[in-house]
C-alpha cells in the first residue's frame, strides 16, 4: 500500500493548482485576443490613441503569457522577464509623468543588475 504523507502532498497539490492557473491564464489570453480583434475592426488607424491601445493590449497579452510561463517553470529569469514587461507596459503609457520615467529607468537598471549578478553567474557555472 502506498503511503502518502502530508509533506509530500502539499507541494504536489500546489504544483497542480499552479498548472491549472497557467492553463486558465492562457485560455483567458486567447479569449482576450479574439475580443481585441473585434475592437480594432473599423477604427481610425490615423489616431494616436488607437496605436497606444494596440501596444497596451499586446504588452498585456505578453505579460499574461509570461505569467503563465513563470507559473510553470519557477525560474528566476522568467520572473525577471515578467517584471521587465510590466515596467515596459507602464512606461509606454501616453500620460506618463517624469517621475514615472525615472522610476521605470531605475527599475530596468535593477532588473539588469539582478540578471547580471544572479542569472549570468549561474549560466556560466560560476559560484
N, C-alpha and C. Protein backbone atom coordinates (compact mmCIF):
# COMPACT_ATOMS: atom_id res chain seq x y z
N UNK A 1 0.84 -1.18 0.00
CA UNK A 1 0.00 0.00 0.00
C UNK A 1 0.89 1.25 0.00
N UNK A 2 0.52 2.19 -0.83
CA UNK A 2 1.30 3.43 -0.95
C UNK A 2 0.87 4.36 0.17
N UNK A 3 1.87 4.84 0.87
CA UNK A 3 1.60 5.74 1.98
C UNK A 3 1.97 7.16 1.54
N UNK A 4 0.99 8.06 1.50
CA UNK A 4 1.22 9.44 1.10
C UNK A 4 1.23 10.31 2.35
N UNK A 5 2.31 11.04 2.51
CA UNK A 5 2.42 11.93 3.65
C UNK A 5 1.98 13.33 3.26
N UNK A 6 1.53 14.06 4.25
CA UNK A 6 1.07 15.43 4.02
C UNK A 6 2.18 16.29 3.44
N UNK A 7 3.41 16.13 3.93
CA UNK A 7 4.51 16.97 3.45
C UNK A 7 4.81 16.70 1.97
N UNK A 8 4.45 15.53 1.46
CA UNK A 8 4.61 15.23 0.03
C UNK A 8 3.39 15.68 -0.77
N UNK A 9 2.25 15.70 -0.13
CA UNK A 9 1.00 16.04 -0.82
C UNK A 9 0.86 17.54 -1.09
N UNK A 10 1.32 18.37 -0.16
CA UNK A 10 1.17 19.82 -0.31
C UNK A 10 1.93 20.35 -1.52
N UNK A 11 3.22 20.06 -1.70
CA UNK A 11 3.90 20.58 -2.90
C UNK A 11 3.28 20.07 -4.20
N UNK A 12 2.84 18.83 -4.21
CA UNK A 12 2.21 18.28 -5.40
C UNK A 12 0.90 19.00 -5.70
N UNK A 13 0.12 19.26 -4.68
CA UNK A 13 -1.15 19.98 -4.84
C UNK A 13 -0.91 21.40 -5.34
N UNK A 14 0.07 22.07 -4.76
CA UNK A 14 0.39 23.44 -5.17
C UNK A 14 0.81 23.47 -6.63
N UNK A 15 1.64 22.52 -7.04
CA UNK A 15 2.10 22.45 -8.43
C UNK A 15 0.93 22.23 -9.39
N UNK A 16 0.01 21.35 -9.02
CA UNK A 16 -1.17 21.09 -9.87
C UNK A 16 -2.05 22.33 -9.98
N UNK A 17 -2.22 23.06 -8.88
CA UNK A 17 -3.03 24.28 -8.91
C UNK A 17 -2.34 25.33 -9.77
N UNK A 18 -1.03 25.46 -9.65
CA UNK A 18 -0.29 26.42 -10.49
C UNK A 18 -0.41 26.07 -11.97
N UNK A 19 -0.32 24.79 -12.30
CA UNK A 19 -0.50 24.37 -13.69
C UNK A 19 -1.91 24.70 -14.19
N UNK A 20 -2.90 24.47 -13.35
CA UNK A 20 -4.28 24.81 -13.72
C UNK A 20 -4.42 26.31 -13.95
N UNK A 21 -3.82 27.12 -13.07
CA UNK A 21 -3.89 28.57 -13.23
C UNK A 21 -3.18 29.03 -14.49
N UNK A 22 -2.05 28.40 -14.83
CA UNK A 22 -1.32 28.76 -16.05
C UNK A 22 -2.17 28.47 -17.28
N UNK A 23 -2.84 27.33 -17.30
CA UNK A 23 -3.72 26.99 -18.42
C UNK A 23 -4.90 27.96 -18.48
N UNK A 24 -5.46 28.32 -17.31
CA UNK A 24 -6.57 29.26 -17.28
C UNK A 24 -6.14 30.63 -17.81
N UNK A 25 -4.93 31.07 -17.48
CA UNK A 25 -4.42 32.34 -17.98
C UNK A 25 -4.26 32.28 -19.50
N UNK A 26 -3.74 31.19 -20.02
CA UNK A 26 -3.56 31.05 -21.46
C UNK A 26 -4.91 31.05 -22.18
N UNK A 27 -5.89 30.35 -21.62
CA UNK A 27 -7.23 30.37 -22.22
C UNK A 27 -7.83 31.78 -22.17
N UNK A 28 -7.61 32.48 -21.06
CA UNK A 28 -8.08 33.86 -20.97
C UNK A 28 -7.41 34.76 -21.99
N UNK A 29 -6.13 34.52 -22.25
CA UNK A 29 -5.40 35.29 -23.26
C UNK A 29 -6.00 35.06 -24.63
N UNK A 30 -6.31 33.82 -24.94
CA UNK A 30 -6.91 33.52 -26.24
C UNK A 30 -8.25 34.23 -26.42
N UNK A 31 -9.07 34.22 -25.38
CA UNK A 31 -10.36 34.92 -25.45
C UNK A 31 -10.13 36.43 -25.59
N UNK A 32 -9.17 36.96 -24.86
CA UNK A 32 -8.86 38.39 -24.92
C UNK A 32 -8.36 38.80 -26.31
N UNK A 33 -7.53 37.95 -26.93
CA UNK A 33 -7.02 38.26 -28.28
C UNK A 33 -8.18 38.31 -29.27
N UNK A 34 -9.07 37.34 -29.19
CA UNK A 34 -10.22 37.32 -30.11
C UNK A 34 -11.10 38.55 -29.90
N UNK A 35 -11.34 38.90 -28.64
CA UNK A 35 -12.15 40.10 -28.35
C UNK A 35 -11.44 41.36 -28.80
N UNK A 36 -10.12 41.39 -28.72
CA UNK A 36 -9.37 42.57 -29.14
C UNK A 36 -9.44 42.77 -30.65
N UNK A 37 -9.47 41.68 -31.41
CA UNK A 37 -9.60 41.82 -32.86
C UNK A 37 -10.89 42.56 -33.21
N UNK A 38 -11.95 42.25 -32.52
CA UNK A 38 -13.24 42.90 -32.79
C UNK A 38 -13.18 44.39 -32.45
N UNK A 39 -12.39 44.77 -31.46
CA UNK A 39 -12.29 46.18 -31.09
C UNK A 39 -11.54 47.00 -32.14
N UNK A 40 -10.63 46.37 -32.87
CA UNK A 40 -9.80 47.11 -33.82
C UNK A 40 -10.35 47.11 -35.24
N UNK A 41 -11.43 46.42 -35.46
CA UNK A 41 -12.06 46.44 -36.78
C UNK A 41 -12.88 47.72 -36.90
N UNK A 42 -12.61 48.48 -37.92
CA UNK A 42 -13.38 49.68 -38.17
C UNK A 42 -12.96 50.91 -37.40
N UNK A 43 -11.81 50.89 -36.74
CA UNK A 43 -11.35 52.09 -36.05
C UNK A 43 -10.48 52.93 -36.98
N UNK A 44 -10.29 54.17 -36.64
CA UNK A 44 -9.47 55.07 -37.44
C UNK A 44 -8.01 54.90 -37.01
N UNK A 45 -7.23 54.24 -37.86
CA UNK A 45 -5.84 53.94 -37.53
C UNK A 45 -4.94 55.17 -37.62
N UNK A 46 -5.46 56.30 -38.00
CA UNK A 46 -4.68 57.54 -38.01
C UNK A 46 -4.60 58.18 -36.64
N UNK A 47 -5.42 57.74 -35.72
CA UNK A 47 -5.42 58.30 -34.38
C UNK A 47 -4.32 57.65 -33.52
N UNK A 48 -3.66 58.48 -32.77
CA UNK A 48 -2.56 58.01 -31.92
C UNK A 48 -3.07 57.09 -30.81
N UNK A 49 -4.26 57.35 -30.29
CA UNK A 49 -4.81 56.55 -29.20
C UNK A 49 -5.02 55.09 -29.62
N UNK A 50 -5.36 54.87 -30.88
CA UNK A 50 -5.55 53.50 -31.37
C UNK A 50 -4.24 52.74 -31.31
N UNK A 51 -3.16 53.39 -31.72
CA UNK A 51 -1.84 52.75 -31.65
C UNK A 51 -1.44 52.46 -30.21
N UNK A 52 -1.65 53.42 -29.30
CA UNK A 52 -1.34 53.19 -27.89
C UNK A 52 -2.17 52.04 -27.33
N UNK A 53 -3.43 51.96 -27.72
CA UNK A 53 -4.28 50.87 -27.26
C UNK A 53 -3.77 49.53 -27.77
N UNK A 54 -3.33 49.49 -29.02
CA UNK A 54 -2.77 48.25 -29.58
C UNK A 54 -1.53 47.81 -28.82
N UNK A 55 -0.60 48.74 -28.60
CA UNK A 55 0.63 48.41 -27.87
C UNK A 55 0.30 47.99 -26.44
N UNK A 56 -0.62 48.67 -25.82
CA UNK A 56 -1.03 48.34 -24.45
C UNK A 56 -1.59 46.93 -24.37
N UNK A 57 -2.42 46.57 -25.35
CA UNK A 57 -3.02 45.23 -25.37
C UNK A 57 -1.97 44.15 -25.67
N UNK A 58 -1.06 44.44 -26.59
CA UNK A 58 -0.01 43.46 -26.91
C UNK A 58 0.86 43.19 -25.68
N UNK A 59 1.24 44.25 -24.97
CA UNK A 59 2.04 44.05 -23.76
C UNK A 59 1.25 43.34 -22.66
N UNK A 60 -0.04 43.59 -22.58
CA UNK A 60 -0.87 42.89 -21.59
C UNK A 60 -0.91 41.39 -21.90
N UNK A 61 -1.06 41.04 -23.17
CA UNK A 61 -1.05 39.63 -23.57
C UNK A 61 0.32 39.02 -23.26
N UNK A 62 1.38 39.75 -23.56
CA UNK A 62 2.73 39.25 -23.29
C UNK A 62 2.94 39.03 -21.80
N UNK A 63 2.47 39.95 -20.99
CA UNK A 63 2.59 39.80 -19.53
C UNK A 63 1.83 38.57 -19.06
N UNK A 64 0.65 38.36 -19.58
CA UNK A 64 -0.13 37.18 -19.17
C UNK A 64 0.56 35.89 -19.58
N UNK A 65 1.14 35.87 -20.78
CA UNK A 65 1.86 34.67 -21.21
C UNK A 65 3.11 34.43 -20.38
N UNK A 66 3.81 35.52 -20.05
CA UNK A 66 4.99 35.39 -19.18
C UNK A 66 4.60 34.92 -17.79
N UNK A 67 3.45 35.37 -17.31
CA UNK A 67 2.97 34.91 -16.01
C UNK A 67 2.70 33.42 -16.03
N UNK A 68 2.07 32.94 -17.09
CA UNK A 68 1.80 31.50 -17.17
C UNK A 68 3.10 30.71 -17.29
N UNK A 69 4.08 31.26 -18.01
CA UNK A 69 5.39 30.58 -18.10
C UNK A 69 6.07 30.53 -16.74
N UNK A 70 5.98 31.64 -16.00
CA UNK A 70 6.58 31.67 -14.68
C UNK A 70 5.93 30.65 -13.74
N UNK A 71 4.60 30.51 -13.85
CA UNK A 71 3.91 29.53 -13.02
C UNK A 71 4.34 28.10 -13.34
N UNK A 72 4.70 27.86 -14.59
CA UNK A 72 5.08 26.51 -15.00
C UNK A 72 6.56 26.21 -14.71
N UNK A 73 7.44 27.19 -14.89
CA UNK A 73 8.88 26.90 -14.82
C UNK A 73 9.52 27.22 -13.48
N UNK A 74 8.99 28.21 -12.77
CA UNK A 74 9.58 28.66 -11.50
C UNK A 74 11.04 29.09 -11.65
N UNK A 75 11.37 29.70 -12.77
CA UNK A 75 12.76 30.13 -12.95
C UNK A 75 12.89 31.62 -12.65
N UNK A 76 14.05 31.99 -12.17
CA UNK A 76 14.32 33.38 -11.83
C UNK A 76 14.30 34.26 -13.08
N UNK A 77 14.78 33.74 -14.18
CA UNK A 77 14.79 34.51 -15.43
C UNK A 77 13.37 34.79 -15.90
N UNK A 78 12.44 33.88 -15.68
CA UNK A 78 11.04 34.11 -16.05
C UNK A 78 10.45 35.24 -15.21
N UNK A 79 10.82 35.31 -13.95
CA UNK A 79 10.35 36.40 -13.09
C UNK A 79 10.91 37.73 -13.57
N UNK A 80 12.20 37.76 -13.90
CA UNK A 80 12.81 39.00 -14.38
C UNK A 80 12.18 39.47 -15.69
N UNK A 81 11.92 38.54 -16.59
CA UNK A 81 11.30 38.91 -17.87
C UNK A 81 9.88 39.40 -17.66
N UNK A 82 9.14 38.78 -16.76
CA UNK A 82 7.78 39.24 -16.45
C UNK A 82 7.82 40.67 -15.91
N UNK A 83 8.73 40.93 -14.99
CA UNK A 83 8.84 42.27 -14.42
C UNK A 83 9.27 43.29 -15.47
N UNK A 84 10.14 42.89 -16.39
CA UNK A 84 10.57 43.80 -17.45
C UNK A 84 9.39 44.20 -18.33
N UNK A 85 8.53 43.26 -18.67
CA UNK A 85 7.36 43.58 -19.48
C UNK A 85 6.37 44.46 -18.72
N UNK A 86 6.24 44.24 -17.42
CA UNK A 86 5.35 45.09 -16.61
C UNK A 86 5.86 46.52 -16.59
N UNK A 87 7.16 46.68 -16.41
CA UNK A 87 7.75 48.04 -16.41
C UNK A 87 7.61 48.67 -17.79
N UNK A 88 7.86 47.90 -18.84
CA UNK A 88 7.75 48.43 -20.20
C UNK A 88 6.32 48.88 -20.49
N UNK A 89 5.36 48.12 -20.05
CA UNK A 89 3.96 48.48 -20.28
C UNK A 89 3.63 49.79 -19.57
N UNK A 90 4.13 49.93 -18.36
CA UNK A 90 3.89 51.16 -17.60
C UNK A 90 4.56 52.36 -18.28
N UNK A 91 5.74 52.16 -18.82
CA UNK A 91 6.48 53.28 -19.40
C UNK A 91 5.96 53.69 -20.78
N UNK A 92 5.20 52.86 -21.43
CA UNK A 92 4.68 53.19 -22.75
C UNK A 92 3.31 53.85 -22.73
N UNK A 93 2.81 54.15 -21.55
CA UNK A 93 1.53 54.86 -21.46
C UNK A 93 1.74 56.30 -21.92
N UNK A 94 0.77 56.86 -22.62
CA UNK A 94 0.96 58.23 -23.13
C UNK A 94 0.94 59.31 -22.05
N UNK A 95 0.30 59.04 -20.92
CA UNK A 95 0.18 60.06 -19.87
C UNK A 95 1.19 59.86 -18.74
N UNK A 96 2.36 59.35 -19.05
CA UNK A 96 3.38 59.05 -18.05
C UNK A 96 4.04 60.36 -17.59
N UNK A 97 4.36 60.42 -16.30
CA UNK A 97 5.00 61.60 -15.74
C UNK A 97 6.51 61.41 -15.73
N UNK A 98 7.21 62.49 -15.45
CA UNK A 98 8.66 62.43 -15.38
C UNK A 98 9.12 61.51 -14.25
N UNK A 99 8.42 61.54 -13.15
CA UNK A 99 8.77 60.66 -12.03
C UNK A 99 8.59 59.20 -12.44
N UNK A 100 7.53 58.90 -13.18
CA UNK A 100 7.30 57.54 -13.66
C UNK A 100 8.43 57.08 -14.58
N UNK A 101 8.89 57.97 -15.44
CA UNK A 101 10.00 57.62 -16.34
C UNK A 101 11.25 57.32 -15.52
N UNK A 102 11.53 58.18 -14.54
CA UNK A 102 12.70 57.98 -13.68
C UNK A 102 12.61 56.65 -12.92
N UNK A 103 11.46 56.38 -12.35
CA UNK A 103 11.28 55.12 -11.62
C UNK A 103 11.37 53.93 -12.57
N UNK A 104 10.86 54.06 -13.79
CA UNK A 104 10.97 52.98 -14.77
C UNK A 104 12.41 52.70 -15.15
N UNK A 105 13.19 53.76 -15.32
CA UNK A 105 14.61 53.59 -15.65
C UNK A 105 15.32 52.89 -14.50
N UNK A 106 15.05 53.32 -13.27
CA UNK A 106 15.66 52.66 -12.12
C UNK A 106 15.23 51.19 -12.02
N UNK A 107 13.98 50.92 -12.35
CA UNK A 107 13.50 49.53 -12.32
C UNK A 107 14.24 48.68 -13.35
N UNK A 108 14.43 49.23 -14.57
CA UNK A 108 15.19 48.48 -15.58
C UNK A 108 16.63 48.27 -15.16
N UNK A 109 17.24 49.27 -14.54
CA UNK A 109 18.61 49.12 -14.05
C UNK A 109 18.67 48.02 -12.99
N UNK A 110 17.69 48.00 -12.10
CA UNK A 110 17.64 46.96 -11.07
C UNK A 110 17.46 45.58 -11.69
N UNK A 111 16.61 45.49 -12.71
CA UNK A 111 16.41 44.20 -13.38
C UNK A 111 17.67 43.74 -14.09
N UNK A 112 18.35 44.67 -14.76
CA UNK A 112 19.62 44.32 -15.42
C UNK A 112 20.67 43.91 -14.40
N UNK A 113 20.70 44.60 -13.27
CA UNK A 113 21.64 44.22 -12.21
C UNK A 113 21.32 42.84 -11.65
N UNK A 114 20.05 42.56 -11.45
CA UNK A 114 19.67 41.22 -10.97
C UNK A 114 20.05 40.15 -11.97
N UNK A 115 19.85 40.45 -13.25
CA UNK A 115 20.24 39.48 -14.28
C UNK A 115 21.74 39.27 -14.27
N UNK A 116 22.48 40.37 -14.18
CA UNK A 116 23.95 40.29 -14.24
C UNK A 116 24.53 39.53 -13.05
N UNK A 117 24.01 39.80 -11.86
CA UNK A 117 24.62 39.23 -10.66
C UNK A 117 23.99 37.93 -10.19
N UNK A 118 22.79 37.61 -10.66
CA UNK A 118 22.15 36.39 -10.20
C UNK A 118 21.99 35.33 -11.29
N UNK A 119 21.75 35.76 -12.53
CA UNK A 119 21.49 34.80 -13.60
C UNK A 119 22.76 34.44 -14.36
N UNK A 120 23.53 35.44 -14.78
CA UNK A 120 24.73 35.17 -15.56
C UNK A 120 25.72 34.26 -14.86
N UNK A 121 26.00 34.45 -13.55
CA UNK A 121 26.91 33.50 -12.91
C UNK A 121 26.41 32.07 -12.94
N UNK A 122 25.11 31.87 -12.85
CA UNK A 122 24.57 30.52 -12.91
C UNK A 122 24.70 29.92 -14.32
N UNK A 123 24.51 30.77 -15.34
CA UNK A 123 24.64 30.29 -16.72
C UNK A 123 26.07 29.95 -17.06
N UNK A 124 27.02 30.70 -16.49
CA UNK A 124 28.43 30.45 -16.76
C UNK A 124 29.01 29.37 -15.87
N UNK A 125 28.27 28.96 -14.86
CA UNK A 125 28.74 27.93 -13.95
C UNK A 125 29.62 28.48 -12.84
N UNK A 126 29.57 29.79 -12.63
CA UNK A 126 30.35 30.40 -11.57
C UNK A 126 29.65 30.22 -10.24
N UNK A 127 30.41 30.40 -9.18
CA UNK A 127 29.81 30.31 -7.85
C UNK A 127 29.63 31.65 -7.24
